[in-house]
């Protein structure tokens, strides 16, 4: 029961560009880009944190300095955005796996 609660059977997703590019799966890259665009519409500040952490490789403190925020605020947004992106990516992958039914 505890194992299920903690994500048993979940597939690990790459969390940086190098790992993602090494997968050779363009569908994952496109899904991530789509999720980032949707996230940018919902929360531009959170999307900016992702771009600086993920693409530029900046630390929490460096992002905080760049965006003129406290490191605590950046850390909270980073945690939120990682969870939200994971949710968006798993939702889109589940939709891709669902069988298509036709109305014949």
PDB file of N, CA and C in Angstrom:
ATOM      1  N   UNK A   1       0.824  -1.193   0.000  1.00  0.00           N
ATOM      2  CA  UNK A   1       0.000   0.000   0.000  1.00  0.00           C
ATOM      3  C   UNK A   1       0.867   1.256   0.000  1.00  0.00           C
ATOM      4  N   UNK A   2       1.898   1.293   0.797  1.00  0.00           N
ATOM      5  CA  UNK A   2       2.786   2.457   0.834  1.00  0.00           C
ATOM      6  C   UNK A   2       3.501   2.630  -0.495  1.00  0.00           C
ATOM      7  N   UNK A   3       3.845   1.522  -1.119  1.00  0.00           N
ATOM      8  CA  UNK A   3       4.546   1.573  -2.390  1.00  0.00           C
ATOM      9  C   UNK A   3       3.661   2.222  -3.449  1.00  0.00           C
ATOM     10  N   UNK A   4       2.385   1.900  -3.467  1.00  0.00           N
ATOM     11  CA  UNK A   4       1.460   2.491  -4.425  1.00  0.00           C
ATOM     12  C   UNK A   4       1.302   3.988  -4.179  1.00  0.00           C
ATOM     13  N   UNK A   5       1.278   4.356  -2.924  1.00  0.00           N
ATOM     14  CA  UNK A   5       1.117   5.757  -2.568  1.00  0.00           C
ATOM     15  C   UNK A   5       2.313   6.582  -3.048  1.00  0.00           C
ATOM     16  N   UNK A   6       3.476   5.966  -3.117  1.00  0.00           N
ATOM     17  CA  UNK A   6       4.689   6.680  -3.480  1.00  0.00           C
ATOM     18  C   UNK A   6       5.076   6.495  -4.945  1.00  0.00           C
ATOM     19  N   UNK A   7       4.131   6.084  -5.765  1.00  0.00           N
ATOM     20  CA  UNK A   7       4.385   6.064  -7.196  1.00  0.00           C
ATOM     21  C   UNK A   7       4.954   4.775  -7.739  1.00  0.00           C
ATOM     22  N   UNK A   8       4.622   3.642  -7.156  1.00  0.00           N
ATOM     23  CA  UNK A   8       5.111   2.358  -7.662  1.00  0.00           C
ATOM     24  C   UNK A   8       4.678   2.190  -9.111  1.00  0.00           C
ATOM     25  N   UNK A   9       5.591   1.756  -9.933  1.00  0.00           N
ATOM     26  CA  UNK A   9       5.278   1.504 -11.327  1.00  0.00           C
ATOM     27  C   UNK A   9       5.352   2.737 -12.201  1.00  0.00           C
ATOM     28  N   UNK A  10       5.670   3.888 -11.637  1.00  0.00           N
ATOM     29  CA  UNK A  10       5.774   5.106 -12.435  1.00  0.00           C
ATOM     30  C   UNK A  10       7.094   5.095 -13.196  1.00  0.00           C
ATOM     31  N   UNK A  11       7.076   5.670 -14.385  1.00  0.00           N
ATOM     32  CA  UNK A  11       8.272   5.749 -15.206  1.00  0.00           C
ATOM     33  C   UNK A  11       8.977   7.064 -14.915  1.00  0.00           C
ATOM     34  N   UNK A  12      10.302   6.984 -14.709  1.00  0.00           N
ATOM     35  CA  UNK A  12      11.079   8.193 -14.455  1.00  0.00           C
ATOM     36  C   UNK A  12      11.193   9.007 -15.726  1.00  0.00           C
ATOM     37  N   UNK A  13      10.919  10.296 -15.614  1.00  0.00           N
ATOM     38  CA  UNK A  13      11.030  11.194 -16.761  1.00  0.00           C
ATOM     39  C   UNK A  13      12.339  11.978 -16.648  1.00  0.00           C
ATOM     40  N   UNK A  14      13.004  12.212 -17.769  1.00  0.00           N
ATOM     41  CA  UNK A  14      14.237  13.003 -17.724  1.00  0.00           C
ATOM     42  C   UNK A  14      13.923  14.423 -17.271  1.00  0.00           C
ATOM     43  N   UNK A  15      14.841  15.012 -16.478  1.00  0.00           N
ATOM     44  CA  UNK A  15      14.559  16.353 -15.979  1.00  0.00           C
ATOM     45  C   UNK A  15      15.506  17.403 -16.550  1.00  0.00           C
ATOM     46  N   UNK A  16      16.366  17.039 -17.473  1.00  0.00           N
ATOM     47  CA  UNK A  16      17.150  18.082 -18.125  1.00  0.00           C
ATOM     48  C   UNK A  16      17.218  17.827 -19.629  1.00  0.00           C
ATOM     49  N   UNK A  17      17.626  18.840 -20.360  1.00  0.00           N
ATOM     50  CA  UNK A  17      17.595  18.792 -21.816  1.00  0.00           C
ATOM     51  C   UNK A  17      18.498  17.699 -22.364  1.00  0.00           C
ATOM     52  N   UNK A  18      19.658  17.506 -21.760  1.00  0.00           N
ATOM     53  CA  UNK A  18      20.595  16.492 -22.245  1.00  0.00           C
ATOM     54  C   UNK A  18      19.977  15.103 -22.148  1.00  0.00           C
ATOM     55  N   UNK A  19      19.347  14.791 -21.013  1.00  0.00           N
ATOM     56  CA  UNK A  19      18.688  13.495 -20.858  1.00  0.00           C
ATOM     57  C   UNK A  19      17.541  13.344 -21.848  1.00  0.00           C
ATOM     58  N   UNK A  20      16.792  14.411 -22.031  1.00  0.00           N
ATOM     59  CA  UNK A  20      15.645  14.367 -22.927  1.00  0.00           C
ATOM     60  C   UNK A  20      16.089  14.187 -24.368  1.00  0.00           C
ATOM     61  N   UNK A  21      17.132  14.900 -24.785  1.00  0.00           N
ATOM     62  CA  UNK A  21      17.632  14.780 -26.150  1.00  0.00           C
ATOM     63  C   UNK A  21      18.235  13.406 -26.386  1.00  0.00           C
ATOM     64  N   UNK A  22      18.807  12.795 -25.356  1.00  0.00           N
ATOM     65  CA  UNK A  22      19.404  11.471 -25.489  1.00  0.00           C
ATOM     66  C   UNK A  22      18.379  10.381 -25.686  1.00  0.00           C
ATOM     67  N   UNK A  23      17.139  10.638 -25.347  1.00  0.00           N
ATOM     68  CA  UNK A  23      16.087   9.637 -25.502  1.00  0.00           C
ATOM     69  C   UNK A  23      15.711   9.388 -26.953  1.00  0.00           C
ATOM     70  N   UNK A  24      16.036  10.346 -27.825  1.00  0.00           N
ATOM     71  CA  UNK A  24      15.701  10.222 -29.243  1.00  0.00           C
ATOM     72  C   UNK A  24      14.201  10.107 -29.468  1.00  0.00           C
ATOM     73  N   UNK A  25      13.423  10.640 -28.580  1.00  0.00           N
ATOM     74  CA  UNK A  25      11.974  10.582 -28.715  1.00  0.00           C
ATOM     75  C   UNK A  25      11.457  11.999 -28.899  1.00  0.00           C
ATOM     76  N   UNK A  26      11.253  12.377 -30.166  1.00  0.00           N
ATOM     77  CA  UNK A  26      10.828  13.743 -30.455  1.00  0.00           C
ATOM     78  C   UNK A  26       9.438  14.023 -29.898  1.00  0.00           C
ATOM     79  N   UNK A  27       8.624  13.001 -29.722  1.00  0.00           N
ATOM     80  CA  UNK A  27       7.283  13.198 -29.170  1.00  0.00           C
ATOM     81  C   UNK A  27       7.370  13.752 -27.747  1.00  0.00           C
ATOM     82  N   UNK A  28       8.316  13.279 -26.954  1.00  0.00           N
ATOM     83  CA  UNK A  28       8.473  13.788 -25.585  1.00  0.00           C
ATOM     84  C   UNK A  28       8.934  15.232 -25.596  1.00  0.00           C
ATOM     85  N   UNK A  29       9.838  15.564 -26.512  1.00  0.00           N
ATOM     86  CA  UNK A  29      10.337  16.936 -26.602  1.00  0.00           C
ATOM     87  C   UNK A  29       9.201  17.872 -27.003  1.00  0.00           C
ATOM     88  N   UNK A  30       8.402  17.456 -27.975  1.00  0.00           N
ATOM     89  CA  UNK A  30       7.270  18.279 -28.402  1.00  0.00           C
ATOM     90  C   UNK A  30       6.220  18.402 -27.308  1.00  0.00           C
ATOM     91  N   UNK A  31       6.001  17.325 -26.570  1.00  0.00           N
ATOM     92  CA  UNK A  31       5.039  17.368 -25.466  1.00  0.00           C
ATOM     93  C   UNK A  31       5.514  18.327 -24.375  1.00  0.00           C
ATOM     94  N   UNK A  32       6.806  18.312 -24.092  1.00  0.00           N
ATOM     95  CA  UNK A  32       7.363  19.229 -23.092  1.00  0.00           C
ATOM     96  C   UNK A  32       7.224  20.670 -23.560  1.00  0.00           C
ATOM     97  N   UNK A  33       7.528  20.929 -24.818  1.00  0.00           N
ATOM     98  CA  UNK A  33       7.404  22.283 -25.354  1.00  0.00           C
ATOM     99  C   UNK A  33       5.953  22.760 -25.294  1.00  0.00           C
ATOM    100  N   UNK A  34       5.027  21.886 -25.652  1.00  0.00           N
ATOM    101  CA  UNK A  34       3.611  22.220 -25.594  1.00  0.00           C
ATOM    102  C   UNK A  34       3.186  22.522 -24.154  1.00  0.00           C
ATOM    103  N   UNK A  35       3.645  21.700 -23.219  1.00  0.00           N
ATOM    104  CA  UNK A  35       3.307  21.912 -21.803  1.00  0.00           C
ATOM    105  C   UNK A  35       3.883  23.229 -21.298  1.00  0.00           C
ATOM    106  N   UNK A  36       5.106  23.565 -21.722  1.00  0.00           N
ATOM    107  CA  UNK A  36       5.711  24.833 -21.307  1.00  0.00           C
ATOM    108  C   UNK A  36       4.934  26.024 -21.870  1.00  0.00           C
ATOM    109  N   UNK A  37       4.462  25.912 -23.100  1.00  0.00           N
ATOM    110  CA  UNK A  37       3.665  26.990 -23.696  1.00  0.00           C
ATOM    111  C   UNK A  37       2.352  27.176 -22.943  1.00  0.00           C
ATOM    112  N   UNK A  38       1.688  26.069 -22.606  1.00  0.00           N
ATOM    113  CA  UNK A  38       0.443  26.154 -21.842  1.00  0.00           C
ATOM    114  C   UNK A  38       0.698  26.732 -20.458  1.00  0.00           C
ATOM    115  N   UNK A  39       1.803  26.317 -19.846  1.00  0.00           N
ATOM    116  CA  UNK A  39       2.159  26.824 -18.528  1.00  0.00           C
ATOM    117  C   UNK A  39       2.441  28.317 -18.587  1.00  0.00           C
ATOM    118  N   UNK A  40       3.086  28.762 -19.665  1.00  0.00           N
ATOM    119  CA  UNK A  40       3.378  30.178 -19.830  1.00  0.00           C
ATOM    120  C   UNK A  40       2.119  31.023 -19.898  1.00  0.00           C
ATOM    121  N   UNK A  41       1.042  30.466 -20.448  1.00  0.00           N
ATOM    122  CA  UNK A  41      -0.233  31.175 -20.490  1.00  0.00           C
ATOM    123  C   UNK A  41      -0.864  31.260 -19.104  1.00  0.00           C
ATOM    124  N   UNK A  42      -0.704  30.194 -18.305  1.00  0.00           N
ATOM    125  CA  UNK A  42      -1.291  30.158 -16.967  1.00  0.00           C
ATOM    126  C   UNK A  42      -0.492  30.971 -15.968  1.00  0.00           C
ATOM    127  N   UNK A  43       0.824  30.834 -16.034  1.00  0.00           N
ATOM    128  CA  UNK A  43       1.687  31.491 -15.055  1.00  0.00           C
ATOM    129  C   UNK A  43       3.016  31.869 -15.708  1.00  0.00           C
ATOM    130  N   UNK A  44       3.123  33.069 -16.262  1.00  0.00           N
ATOM    131  CA  UNK A  44       4.359  33.481 -16.938  1.00  0.00           C
ATOM    132  C   UNK A  44       5.587  33.436 -16.035  1.00  0.00           C
ATOM    133  N   UNK A  45       5.423  33.811 -14.751  1.00  0.00           N
ATOM    134  CA  UNK A  45       6.564  33.787 -13.829  1.00  0.00           C
ATOM    135  C   UNK A  45       7.092  32.367 -13.629  1.00  0.00           C
ATOM    136  N   UNK A  46       6.167  31.418 -13.466  1.00  0.00           N
ATOM    137  CA  UNK A  46       6.579  30.024 -13.281  1.00  0.00           C
ATOM    138  C   UNK A  46       7.275  29.497 -14.538  1.00  0.00           C
ATOM    139  N   UNK A  47       6.766  29.868 -15.704  1.00  0.00           N
ATOM    140  CA  UNK A  47       7.399  29.435 -16.953  1.00  0.00           C
ATOM    141  C   UNK A  47       8.807  30.014 -17.075  1.00  0.00           C
ATOM    142  N   UNK A  48       8.990  31.250 -16.615  1.00  0.00           N
ATOM    143  CA  UNK A  48      10.319  31.866 -16.663  1.00  0.00           C
ATOM    144  C   UNK A  48      11.286  31.124 -15.739  1.00  0.00           C
ATOM    145  N   UNK A  49      10.813  30.702 -14.584  1.00  0.00           N
ATOM    146  CA  UNK A  49      11.649  29.918 -13.665  1.00  0.00           C
ATOM    147  C   UNK A  49      12.086  28.619 -14.343  1.00  0.00           C
ATOM    148  N   UNK A  50      11.160  27.974 -15.036  1.00  0.00           N
ATOM    149  CA  UNK A  50      11.502  26.724 -15.732  1.00  0.00           C
ATOM    150  C   UNK A  50      12.559  26.972 -16.789  1.00  0.00           C
ATOM    151  N   UNK A  51      12.375  28.006 -17.583  1.00  0.00           N
ATOM    152  CA  UNK A  51      13.340  28.288 -18.652  1.00  0.00           C
ATOM    153  C   UNK A  51      14.743  28.527 -18.089  1.00  0.00           C
ATOM    154  N   UNK A  52      14.809  29.286 -17.005  1.00  0.00           N
ATOM    155  CA  UNK A  52      16.119  29.578 -16.421  1.00  0.00           C
ATOM    156  C   UNK A  52      16.736  28.355 -15.747  1.00  0.00           C
ATOM    157  N   UNK A  53      15.923  27.553 -15.072  1.00  0.00           N
ATOM    158  CA  UNK A  53      16.449  26.353 -14.404  1.00  0.00           C
ATOM    159  C   UNK A  53      16.760  25.262 -15.409  1.00  0.00           C
ATOM    160  N   UNK A  54      15.814  25.006 -16.310  1.00  0.00           N
ATOM    161  CA  UNK A  54      15.888  23.863 -17.207  1.00  0.00           C
ATOM    162  C   UNK A  54      16.834  24.110 -18.376  1.00  0.00           C
ATOM    163  N   UNK A  55      16.646  25.210 -19.077  1.00  0.00           N
ATOM    164  CA  UNK A  55      17.437  25.473 -20.276  1.00  0.00           C
ATOM    165  C   UNK A  55      18.760  26.162 -19.974  1.00  0.00           C
ATOM    166  N   UNK A  56      18.758  27.138 -19.075  1.00  0.00           N
ATOM    167  CA  UNK A  56      19.994  27.857 -18.767  1.00  0.00           C
ATOM    168  C   UNK A  56      20.826  27.159 -17.699  1.00  0.00           C
ATOM    169  N   UNK A  57      20.194  26.257 -16.939  1.00  0.00           N
ATOM    170  CA  UNK A  57      20.929  25.509 -15.920  1.00  0.00           C
ATOM    171  C   UNK A  57      21.280  26.322 -14.692  1.00  0.00           C
ATOM    172  N   UNK A  58      20.531  27.372 -14.422  1.00  0.00           N
ATOM    173  CA  UNK A  58      20.826  28.214 -13.263  1.00  0.00           C
ATOM    174  C   UNK A  58      20.334  27.559 -11.976  1.00  0.00           C
ATOM    175  N   UNK A  59      21.006  27.886 -10.899  1.00  0.00           N
ATOM    176  CA  UNK A  59      20.588  27.391  -9.581  1.00  0.00           C
ATOM    177  C   UNK A  59      19.416  28.233  -9.082  1.00  0.00           C
ATOM    178  N   UNK A  60      18.824  27.799  -7.987  1.00  0.00           N
ATOM    179  CA  UNK A  60      17.722  28.544  -7.369  1.00  0.00           C
ATOM    180  C   UNK A  60      18.168  29.963  -7.035  1.00  0.00           C
ATOM    181  N   UNK A  61      19.346  30.095  -6.438  1.00  0.00           N
ATOM    182  CA  UNK A  61      19.855  31.415  -6.052  1.00  0.00           C
ATOM    183  C   UNK A  61      20.112  32.296  -7.274  1.00  0.00           C
ATOM    184  N   UNK A  62      20.632  31.711  -8.340  1.00  0.00           N
ATOM    185  CA  UNK A  62      20.896  32.480  -9.565  1.00  0.00           C
ATOM    186  C   UNK A  62      19.596  32.939 -10.222  1.00  0.00           C
ATOM    187  N   UNK A  63      18.594  32.068 -10.229  1.00  0.00           N
ATOM    188  CA  UNK A  63      17.288  32.444 -10.780  1.00  0.00           C
ATOM    189  C   UNK A  63      16.679  33.560  -9.937  1.00  0.00           C
ATOM    190  N   UNK A  64      16.778  33.439  -8.619  1.00  0.00           N
ATOM    191  CA  UNK A  64      16.238  34.462  -7.723  1.00  0.00           C
ATOM    192  C   UNK A  64      16.892  35.815  -7.990  1.00  0.00           C
ATOM    193  N   UNK A  65      18.181  35.812  -8.171  1.00  0.00           N
ATOM    194  CA  UNK A  65      18.901  37.059  -8.449  1.00  0.00           C
ATOM    195  C   UNK A  65      18.486  37.628  -9.808  1.00  0.00           C
ATOM    196  N   UNK A  66      18.367  36.759 -10.807  1.00  0.00           N
ATOM    197  CA  UNK A  66      17.995  37.199 -12.156  1.00  0.00           C
ATOM    198  C   UNK A  66      16.590  37.790 -12.190  1.00  0.00           C
ATOM    199  N   UNK A  67      15.652  37.138 -11.529  1.00  0.00           N
ATOM    200  CA  UNK A  67      14.254  37.576 -11.541  1.00  0.00           C
ATOM    201  C   UNK A  67      13.920  38.545 -10.414  1.00  0.00           C
ATOM    202  N   UNK A  68      14.911  38.872  -9.593  1.00  0.00           N
ATOM    203  CA  UNK A  68      14.731  39.765  -8.443  1.00  0.00           C
ATOM    204  C   UNK A  68      13.616  39.282  -7.528  1.00  0.00           C
ATOM    205  N   UNK A  69      13.720  38.002  -7.161  1.00  0.00           N
ATOM    206  CA  UNK A  69      12.797  37.366  -6.224  1.00  0.00           C
ATOM    207  C   UNK A  69      13.626  36.765  -5.099  1.00  0.00           C
ATOM    208  N   UNK A  70      12.938  36.353  -4.057  1.00  0.00           N
ATOM    209  CA  UNK A  70      13.652  35.661  -2.989  1.00  0.00           C
ATOM    210  C   UNK A  70      13.897  34.214  -3.425  1.00  0.00           C
ATOM    211  N   UNK A  71      14.978  33.610  -2.951  1.00  0.00           N
ATOM    212  CA  UNK A  71      15.230  32.207  -3.279  1.00  0.00           C
ATOM    213  C   UNK A  71      14.089  31.295  -2.826  1.00  0.00           C
ATOM    214  N   UNK A  72      13.450  31.631  -1.720  1.00  0.00           N
ATOM    215  CA  UNK A  72      12.324  30.831  -1.222  1.00  0.00           C
ATOM    216  C   UNK A  72      11.151  30.855  -2.210  1.00  0.00           C
ATOM    217  N   UNK A  73      10.857  32.013  -2.777  1.00  0.00           N
ATOM    218  CA  UNK A  73       9.778  32.136  -3.758  1.00  0.00           C
ATOM    219  C   UNK A  73      10.102  31.335  -5.009  1.00  0.00           C
ATOM    220  N   UNK A  74      11.332  31.437  -5.472  1.00  0.00           N
ATOM    221  CA  UNK A  74      11.756  30.681  -6.660  1.00  0.00           C
ATOM    222  C   UNK A  74      11.664  29.189  -6.387  1.00  0.00           C
ATOM    223  N   UNK A  75      12.087  28.766  -5.203  1.00  0.00           N
ATOM    224  CA  UNK A  75      12.025  27.349  -4.851  1.00  0.00           C
ATOM    225  C   UNK A  75      10.583  26.845  -4.835  1.00  0.00           C
ATOM    226  N   UNK A  76       9.682  27.631  -4.256  1.00  0.00           N
ATOM    227  CA  UNK A  76       8.257  27.255  -4.248  1.00  0.00           C
ATOM    228  C   UNK A  76       7.713  27.154  -5.664  1.00  0.00           C
ATOM    229  N   UNK A  77       8.032  28.120  -6.514  1.00  0.00           N
ATOM    230  CA  UNK A  77       7.549  28.080  -7.902  1.00  0.00           C
ATOM    231  C   UNK A  77       8.146  26.916  -8.658  1.00  0.00           C
ATOM    232  N   UNK A  78       9.410  26.613  -8.409  1.00  0.00           N
ATOM    233  CA  UNK A  78      10.074  25.485  -9.071  1.00  0.00           C
ATOM    234  C   UNK A  78       9.390  24.176  -8.690  1.00  0.00           C
ATOM    235  N   UNK A  79       9.073  24.008  -7.414  1.00  0.00           N
ATOM    236  CA  UNK A  79       8.385  22.793  -6.975  1.00  0.00           C
ATOM    237  C   UNK A  79       6.988  22.698  -7.590  1.00  0.00           C
ATOM    238  N   UNK A  80       6.283  23.818  -7.607  1.00  0.00           N
ATOM    239  CA  UNK A  80       4.942  23.844  -8.197  1.00  0.00           C
ATOM    240  C   UNK A  80       5.014  23.493  -9.677  1.00  0.00           C
ATOM    241  N   UNK A  81       5.912  24.128 -10.387  1.00  0.00           N
ATOM    242  CA  UNK A  81       5.967  23.969 -11.836  1.00  0.00           C
ATOM    243  C   UNK A  81       6.415  22.562 -12.233  1.00  0.00           C
ATOM    244  N   UNK A  82       7.295  21.971 -11.473  1.00  0.00           N
ATOM    245  CA  UNK A  82       7.699  20.584 -11.773  1.00  0.00           C
ATOM    246  C   UNK A  82       6.506  19.650 -11.634  1.00  0.00           C
ATOM    247  N   UNK A  83       5.739  19.824 -10.574  1.00  0.00           N
ATOM    248  CA  UNK A  83       4.557  18.985 -10.371  1.00  0.00           C
ATOM    249  C   UNK A  83       3.521  19.230 -11.463  1.00  0.00           C
ATOM    250  N   UNK A  84       3.313  20.487 -11.826  1.00  0.00           N
ATOM    251  CA  UNK A  84       2.320  20.829 -12.859  1.00  0.00           C
ATOM    252  C   UNK A  84       2.743  20.295 -14.226  1.00  0.00           C
ATOM    253  N   UNK A  85       4.023  20.435 -14.562  1.00  0.00           N
ATOM    254  CA  UNK A  85       4.510  19.904 -15.840  1.00  0.00           C
ATOM    255  C   UNK A  85       4.384  18.385 -15.882  1.00  0.00           C
ATOM    256  N   UNK A  86       4.696  17.745 -14.777  1.00  0.00           N
ATOM    257  CA  UNK A  86       4.560  16.287 -14.718  1.00  0.00           C
ATOM    258  C   UNK A  86       3.109  15.894 -14.956  1.00  0.00           C
ATOM    259  N   UNK A  87       2.202  16.614 -14.326  1.00  0.00           N
ATOM    260  CA  UNK A  87       0.781  16.333 -14.495  1.00  0.00           C
ATOM    261  C   UNK A  87       0.367  16.545 -15.955  1.00  0.00           C
ATOM    262  N   UNK A  88       0.808  17.636 -16.551  1.00  0.00           N
ATOM    263  CA  UNK A  88       0.460  17.919 -17.949  1.00  0.00           C
ATOM    264  C   UNK A  88       1.011  16.844 -18.891  1.00  0.00           C
ATOM    265  N   UNK A  89       2.249  16.423 -18.634  1.00  0.00           N
ATOM    266  CA  UNK A  89       2.875  15.431 -19.508  1.00  0.00           C
ATOM    267  C   UNK A  89       2.236  14.058 -19.348  1.00  0.00           C
ATOM    268  N   UNK A  90       1.870  13.692 -18.130  1.00  0.00           N
ATOM    269  CA  UNK A  90       1.241  12.382 -17.946  1.00  0.00           C
ATOM    270  C   UNK A  90      -0.171  12.373 -18.515  1.00  0.00           C
ATOM    271  N   UNK A  91      -0.870  13.506 -18.410  1.00  0.00           N
ATOM    272  CA  UNK A  91      -2.204  13.592 -19.006  1.00  0.00           C
ATOM    273  C   UNK A  91      -2.134  13.447 -20.518  1.00  0.00           C
ATOM    274  N   UNK A  92      -1.148  14.109 -21.141  1.00  0.00           N
ATOM    275  CA  UNK A  92      -1.049  14.031 -22.602  1.00  0.00           C
ATOM    276  C   UNK A  92      -0.602  12.639 -23.050  1.00  0.00           C
ATOM    277  N   UNK A  93       0.244  11.975 -22.264  1.00  0.00           N
ATOM    278  CA  UNK A  93       0.664  10.626 -22.652  1.00  0.00           C
ATOM    279  C   UNK A  93      -0.465   9.618 -22.465  1.00  0.00           C
ATOM    280  N   UNK A  94      -1.320   9.842 -21.463  1.00  0.00           N
ATOM    281  CA  UNK A  94      -2.474   8.961 -21.262  1.00  0.00           C
ATOM    282  C   UNK A  94      -3.476   9.131 -22.399  1.00  0.00           C
ATOM    283  N   UNK A  95      -3.656  10.352 -22.874  1.00  0.00           N
ATOM    284  CA  UNK A  95      -4.555  10.596 -23.996  1.00  0.00           C
ATOM    285  C   UNK A  95      -4.044   9.905 -25.259  1.00  0.00           C
ATOM    286  N   UNK A  96      -2.729   9.896 -25.446  1.00  0.00           N
ATOM    287  CA  UNK A  96      -2.141   9.242 -26.612  1.00  0.00           C
ATOM    288  C   UNK A  96      -2.325   7.738 -26.573  1.00  0.00           C
ATOM    289  N   UNK A  97      -2.367   7.167 -25.354  1.00  0.00           N
ATOM    290  CA  UNK A  97      -2.472   5.714 -25.219  1.00  0.00           C
ATOM    291  C   UNK A  97      -3.909   5.211 -25.303  1.00  0.00           C
ATOM    292  N   UNK A  98      -4.881   6.097 -25.086  1.00  0.00           N
ATOM    293  CA  UNK A  98      -6.279   5.658 -25.118  1.00  0.00           C
ATOM    294  C   UNK A  98      -6.667   5.242 -26.529  1.00  0.00           C
ATOM    295  N   UNK A  99      -7.362   4.119 -26.651  1.00  0.00           N
ATOM    296  CA  UNK A  99      -7.770   3.685 -27.988  1.00  0.00           C
ATOM    297  C   UNK A  99      -8.801   4.643 -28.570  1.00  0.00           C
ATOM    298  N   UNK A 100      -8.658   4.860 -29.851  1.00  0.00           N
ATOM    299  CA  UNK A 100      -9.588   5.741 -30.550  1.00  0.00           C
ATOM    300  C   UNK A 100     -10.810   4.935 -30.980  1.00  0.00           C
ATOM    301  N   UNK A 101     -11.963   5.453 -30.679  1.00  0.00           N
ATOM    302  CA  UNK A 101     -13.192   4.773 -31.088  1.00  0.00           C
ATOM    303  C   UNK A 101     -13.882   5.635 -32.133  1.00  0.00           C
ATOM    304  N   UNK A 102     -14.471   5.009 -33.086  1.00  0.00           N
ATOM    305  CA  UNK A 102     -15.184   5.766 -34.109  1.00  0.00           C
ATOM    306  C   UNK A 102     -16.676   5.591 -33.906  1.00  0.00           C
ATOM    307  N   UNK A 103     -17.395   6.548 -34.334  1.00  0.00           N
ATOM    308  CA  UNK A 103     -18.859   6.511 -34.213  1.00  0.00           C
ATOM    309  C   UNK A 103     -19.445   6.013 -35.531  1.00  0.00           C
ATOM    310  N   UNK A 104     -19.341   4.741 -35.785  1.00  0.00           N
ATOM    311  CA  UNK A 104     -19.882   4.157 -37.028  1.00  0.00           C
ATOM    312  C   UNK A 104     -21.285   3.683 -36.850  1.00  0.00           C
TER     313      UNK A 104
END
